[in-house]
């Protein structure tokens, strides 16, 4: 377990309720908007991660980072794939390969990597009838959140 994963676990334990959680460990910064937490799991609106020791990532390095993440984060509800590389904008997008479907809703993870060494993980629901997208909370076990923090740091290399 990395220090970052231990710090986020401690922050969840110490949290009085919904709100932002922010932890730093050297050049690694992790924050999430906690929606709720229980003894087994938690829900958050989005997770932001930054590696501040690398201020400018070229597009090929971002794509490689995205591929490493897709290979590591196999414990999420749906496997991730690199969907788009925007070399000019300095951004890479990953999404769930096979979204979860319930009635008219298709839910999926969306991960955006940016050239400043930042990552944003969120969950989106797409209503196929209304043809609209809206953010929904990510739900993870506490152990999966700790593993995610470890894997974000490990995926940088």
C-alpha atoms as a PDB file:
ATOM      1  CA  UNK A   1       0.000   0.000   0.000  1.00  0.00           C
ATOM      2  CA  UNK A   2       1.413   3.400  -0.958  1.00  0.00           C
ATOM      3  CA  UNK A   3       1.343   6.405   1.318  1.00  0.00           C
ATOM      4  CA  UNK A   4      -1.199   8.034  -1.011  1.00  0.00           C
ATOM      5  CA  UNK A   5      -3.641   5.121  -0.693  1.00  0.00           C
ATOM      6  CA  UNK A   6      -3.217   5.111   3.092  1.00  0.00           C
ATOM      7  CA  UNK A   7      -3.843   8.858   3.214  1.00  0.00           C
ATOM      8  CA  UNK A   8      -7.042   8.621   1.158  1.00  0.00           C
ATOM      9  CA  UNK A   9      -8.262   5.725   3.316  1.00  0.00           C
ATOM     10  CA  UNK A  10      -7.593   7.800   6.445  1.00  0.00           C
ATOM     11  CA  UNK A  11      -9.346  10.815   4.911  1.00  0.00           C
ATOM     12  CA  UNK A  12     -12.455   8.722   4.151  1.00  0.00           C
ATOM     13  CA  UNK A  13     -12.409   7.364   7.719  1.00  0.00           C
ATOM     14  CA  UNK A  14     -12.097  10.876   9.190  1.00  0.00           C
ATOM     15  CA  UNK A  15     -14.687  12.479   6.919  1.00  0.00           C
ATOM     16  CA  UNK A  16     -17.771  13.794   8.746  1.00  0.00           C
ATOM     17  CA  UNK A  17     -19.891  13.337   5.635  1.00  0.00           C
ATOM     18  CA  UNK A  18     -20.301  14.506   2.068  1.00  0.00           C
ATOM     19  CA  UNK A  19     -17.751  16.966   0.758  1.00  0.00           C
ATOM     20  CA  UNK A  20     -14.306  17.269  -0.753  1.00  0.00           C
ATOM     21  CA  UNK A  21     -11.424  15.018   0.296  1.00  0.00           C
ATOM     22  CA  UNK A  22      -7.915  16.096  -0.650  1.00  0.00           C
ATOM     23  CA  UNK A  23      -4.640  14.273  -0.002  1.00  0.00           C
ATOM     24  CA  UNK A  24      -1.080  14.906  -1.104  1.00  0.00           C
ATOM     25  CA  UNK A  25       1.974  12.690  -1.057  1.00  0.00           C
ATOM     26  CA  UNK A  26       5.038  14.364  -2.524  1.00  0.00           C
ATOM     27  CA  UNK A  27       4.295  15.180  -6.151  1.00  0.00           C
ATOM     28  CA  UNK A  28       1.020  13.202  -6.146  1.00  0.00           C
ATOM     29  CA  UNK A  29      -2.259  14.940  -5.420  1.00  0.00           C
ATOM     30  CA  UNK A  30      -5.609  13.128  -5.182  1.00  0.00           C
ATOM     31  CA  UNK A  31      -9.010  14.664  -4.528  1.00  0.00           C
ATOM     32  CA  UNK A  32     -12.573  13.480  -4.768  1.00  0.00           C
ATOM     33  CA  UNK A  33     -16.026  14.795  -4.001  1.00  0.00           C
ATOM     34  CA  UNK A  34     -17.364  12.333  -1.465  1.00  0.00           C
ATOM     35  CA  UNK A  35     -21.112  11.766  -1.804  1.00  0.00           C
ATOM     36  CA  UNK A  36     -21.411   9.125   0.912  1.00  0.00           C
ATOM     37  CA  UNK A  37     -19.331   6.512   2.697  1.00  0.00           C
ATOM     38  CA  UNK A  38     -20.179   3.362   4.592  1.00  0.00           C
ATOM     39  CA  UNK A  39     -18.180   0.623   6.259  1.00  0.00           C
ATOM     40  CA  UNK A  40     -17.711  -1.260   2.969  1.00  0.00           C
ATOM     41  CA  UNK A  41     -17.876   1.280   0.171  1.00  0.00           C
ATOM     42  CA  UNK A  42     -18.253   4.856  -0.903  1.00  0.00           C
ATOM     43  CA  UNK A  43     -19.656   7.009  -3.662  1.00  0.00           C
ATOM     44  CA  UNK A  44     -17.967  10.072  -5.131  1.00  0.00           C
ATOM     45  CA  UNK A  45     -18.824  12.454  -7.928  1.00  0.00           C
ATOM     46  CA  UNK A  46     -15.375  12.510  -9.544  1.00  0.00           C
ATOM     47  CA  UNK A  47     -11.767  11.757  -8.714  1.00  0.00           C
ATOM     48  CA  UNK A  48      -8.925  14.059  -9.705  1.00  0.00           C
ATOM     49  CA  UNK A  49      -5.271  13.018  -9.652  1.00  0.00           C
ATOM     50  CA  UNK A  50      -2.183  15.046 -10.491  1.00  0.00           C
ATOM     51  CA  UNK A  51       1.490  14.234 -10.841  1.00  0.00           C
ATOM     52  CA  UNK A  52       3.017  17.656 -10.288  1.00  0.00           C
ATOM     53  CA  UNK A  53       6.584  16.540 -11.004  1.00  0.00           C
ATOM     54  CA  UNK A  54       5.870  16.346 -14.758  1.00  0.00           C
ATOM     55  CA  UNK A  55       4.481  19.675 -15.947  1.00  0.00           C
ATOM     56  CA  UNK A  56       4.155  18.906 -19.664  1.00  0.00           C
ATOM     57  CA  UNK A  57       3.303  15.504 -21.131  1.00  0.00           C
ATOM     58  CA  UNK A  58       3.530  15.042 -24.922  1.00  0.00           C
ATOM     59  CA  UNK A  59       0.607  13.264 -26.609  1.00  0.00           C
ATOM     60  CA  UNK A  60       2.494   9.968 -27.051  1.00  0.00           C
ATOM     61  CA  UNK A  61       3.359   9.894 -23.313  1.00  0.00           C
ATOM     62  CA  UNK A  62      -0.295  10.577 -22.441  1.00  0.00           C
ATOM     63  CA  UNK A  63      -1.415   7.767 -24.734  1.00  0.00           C
ATOM     64  CA  UNK A  64       1.093   5.392 -23.123  1.00  0.00           C
ATOM     65  CA  UNK A  65      -0.169   6.440 -19.679  1.00  0.00           C
ATOM     66  CA  UNK A  66      -3.743   5.756 -20.846  1.00  0.00           C
ATOM     67  CA  UNK A  67      -2.784   2.293 -22.102  1.00  0.00           C
ATOM     68  CA  UNK A  68      -1.056   1.482 -18.793  1.00  0.00           C
ATOM     69  CA  UNK A  69      -4.163   2.604 -16.903  1.00  0.00           C
ATOM     70  CA  UNK A  70      -6.454   0.512 -19.098  1.00  0.00           C
ATOM     71  CA  UNK A  71      -4.256  -2.534 -18.422  1.00  0.00           C
ATOM     72  CA  UNK A  72      -4.116  -1.927 -14.637  1.00  0.00           C
ATOM     73  CA  UNK A  73      -7.675  -0.839 -13.780  1.00  0.00           C
ATOM     74  CA  UNK A  74      -9.292  -4.194 -14.566  1.00  0.00           C
ATOM     75  CA  UNK A  75     -11.268  -4.248 -11.293  1.00  0.00           C
ATOM     76  CA  UNK A  76     -13.635  -1.419 -12.263  1.00  0.00           C
ATOM     77  CA  UNK A  77     -17.134  -2.390 -13.398  1.00  0.00           C
ATOM     78  CA  UNK A  78     -16.180  -2.236 -17.076  1.00  0.00           C
ATOM     79  CA  UNK A  79     -12.753  -2.485 -18.730  1.00  0.00           C
ATOM     80  CA  UNK A  80     -11.341   0.804 -20.019  1.00  0.00           C
ATOM     81  CA  UNK A  81      -9.965   1.509 -23.492  1.00  0.00           C
ATOM     82  CA  UNK A  82      -8.207   4.519 -24.976  1.00  0.00           C
ATOM     83  CA  UNK A  83     -10.911   6.141 -27.056  1.00  0.00           C
ATOM     84  CA  UNK A  84      -9.332   9.325 -28.362  1.00  0.00           C
ATOM     85  CA  UNK A  85      -5.966  11.075 -28.466  1.00  0.00           C
ATOM     86  CA  UNK A  86      -6.031  14.829 -29.070  1.00  0.00           C
ATOM     87  CA  UNK A  87      -2.397  15.688 -29.777  1.00  0.00           C
ATOM     88  CA  UNK A  88      -3.139  19.367 -30.399  1.00  0.00           C
ATOM     89  CA  UNK A  89      -5.240  19.807 -27.257  1.00  0.00           C
ATOM     90  CA  UNK A  90      -2.944  17.613 -25.172  1.00  0.00           C
ATOM     91  CA  UNK A  91      -5.648  15.265 -23.941  1.00  0.00           C
ATOM     92  CA  UNK A  92      -6.381  11.546 -23.981  1.00  0.00           C
ATOM     93  CA  UNK A  93      -9.813  10.090 -23.254  1.00  0.00           C
ATOM     94  CA  UNK A  94     -10.519   6.601 -21.956  1.00  0.00           C
ATOM     95  CA  UNK A  95     -13.986   5.120 -21.593  1.00  0.00           C
ATOM     96  CA  UNK A  96     -15.592   1.884 -20.565  1.00  0.00           C
ATOM     97  CA  UNK A  97     -15.302  -0.611 -23.389  1.00  0.00           C
ATOM     98  CA  UNK A  98     -18.755  -2.066 -22.679  1.00  0.00           C
ATOM     99  CA  UNK A  99     -21.047   0.296 -20.757  1.00  0.00           C
ATOM    100  CA  UNK A 100     -23.526  -1.084 -18.229  1.00  0.00           C
ATOM    101  CA  UNK A 101     -27.133  -0.943 -19.404  1.00  0.00           C
ATOM    102  CA  UNK A 102     -30.293  -0.608 -17.341  1.00  0.00           C
ATOM    103  CA  UNK A 103     -33.506   0.208 -19.176  1.00  0.00           C
ATOM    104  CA  UNK A 104     -32.762   3.298 -21.302  1.00  0.00           C
ATOM    105  CA  UNK A 105     -29.586   4.222 -19.389  1.00  0.00           C
ATOM    106  CA  UNK A 106     -26.061   3.276 -20.431  1.00  0.00           C
ATOM    107  CA  UNK A 107     -23.496   4.038 -17.722  1.00  0.00           C
ATOM    108  CA  UNK A 108     -19.771   4.185 -18.246  1.00  0.00           C
ATOM    109  CA  UNK A 109     -16.496   5.457 -16.813  1.00  0.00           C
ATOM    110  CA  UNK A 110     -14.828   8.394 -18.479  1.00  0.00           C
ATOM    111  CA  UNK A 111     -11.170   9.191 -17.791  1.00  0.00           C
ATOM    112  CA  UNK A 112      -9.439  12.271 -19.154  1.00  0.00           C
ATOM    113  CA  UNK A 113      -5.681  12.665 -19.078  1.00  0.00           C
ATOM    114  CA  UNK A 114      -4.263  16.116 -19.707  1.00  0.00           C
ATOM    115  CA  UNK A 115      -0.796  17.309 -20.661  1.00  0.00           C
ATOM    116  CA  UNK A 116      -0.234  18.891 -17.233  1.00  0.00           C
ATOM    117  CA  UNK A 117      -0.066  15.363 -15.762  1.00  0.00           C
ATOM    118  CA  UNK A 118      -3.642  15.401 -14.509  1.00  0.00           C
ATOM    119  CA  UNK A 119      -6.357  12.789 -14.595  1.00  0.00           C
ATOM    120  CA  UNK A 120     -10.099  13.042 -13.967  1.00  0.00           C
ATOM    121  CA  UNK A 121     -12.188   9.912 -13.471  1.00  0.00           C
ATOM    122  CA  UNK A 122     -15.967  10.226 -13.518  1.00  0.00           C
ATOM    123  CA  UNK A 123     -19.019   8.129 -14.267  1.00  0.00           C
ATOM    124  CA  UNK A 124     -21.601   9.165 -16.846  1.00  0.00           C
ATOM    125  CA  UNK A 125     -25.117   7.960 -17.614  1.00  0.00           C
ATOM    126  CA  UNK A 126     -26.392   8.320 -21.171  1.00  0.00           C
ATOM    127  CA  UNK A 127     -30.160   8.235 -21.634  1.00  0.00           C
ATOM    128  CA  UNK A 128     -30.712   6.597 -25.018  1.00  0.00           C
ATOM    129  CA  UNK A 129     -34.308   7.843 -25.274  1.00  0.00           C
ATOM    130  CA  UNK A 130     -33.668  11.489 -24.337  1.00  0.00           C
ATOM    131  CA  UNK A 131     -30.181  11.405 -25.922  1.00  0.00           C
ATOM    132  CA  UNK A 132     -28.669  13.234 -22.949  1.00  0.00           C
ATOM    133  CA  UNK A 133     -25.635  12.653 -20.715  1.00  0.00           C
ATOM    134  CA  UNK A 134     -25.399  13.357 -17.012  1.00  0.00           C
ATOM    135  CA  UNK A 135     -22.794  12.676 -14.352  1.00  0.00           C
ATOM    136  CA  UNK A 136     -23.577  10.000 -11.770  1.00  0.00           C
ATOM    137  CA  UNK A 137     -21.628   8.949  -8.668  1.00  0.00           C
ATOM    138  CA  UNK A 138     -18.828   6.401  -8.925  1.00  0.00           C
ATOM    139  CA  UNK A 139     -19.274   3.582  -6.424  1.00  0.00           C
ATOM    140  CA  UNK A 140     -16.279   1.634  -5.161  1.00  0.00           C
ATOM    141  CA  UNK A 141     -15.400  -0.470  -2.187  1.00  0.00           C
ATOM    142  CA  UNK A 142     -12.897   1.124   0.159  1.00  0.00           C
ATOM    143  CA  UNK A 143     -10.306  -1.456  -0.892  1.00  0.00           C
ATOM    144  CA  UNK A 144     -10.876  -0.651  -4.580  1.00  0.00           C
ATOM    145  CA  UNK A 145     -10.341   3.067  -3.881  1.00  0.00           C
ATOM    146  CA  UNK A 146      -7.048   2.319  -2.107  1.00  0.00           C
ATOM    147  CA  UNK A 147      -5.960   0.072  -4.976  1.00  0.00           C
ATOM    148  CA  UNK A 148      -6.945   2.790  -7.454  1.00  0.00           C
ATOM    149  CA  UNK A 149      -4.726   5.317  -5.650  1.00  0.00           C
ATOM    150  CA  UNK A 150      -1.831   2.832  -5.754  1.00  0.00           C
ATOM    151  CA  UNK A 151      -2.418   2.064  -9.435  1.00  0.00           C
ATOM    152  CA  UNK A 152      -2.586   5.742 -10.408  1.00  0.00           C
ATOM    153  CA  UNK A 153       0.876   6.276  -8.936  1.00  0.00           C
ATOM    154  CA  UNK A 154       2.255   3.020 -10.387  1.00  0.00           C
ATOM    155  CA  UNK A 155       0.882   3.799 -13.867  1.00  0.00           C
ATOM    156  CA  UNK A 156       3.034   6.905 -14.177  1.00  0.00           C
ATOM    157  CA  UNK A 157       6.127   4.855 -15.039  1.00  0.00           C
END
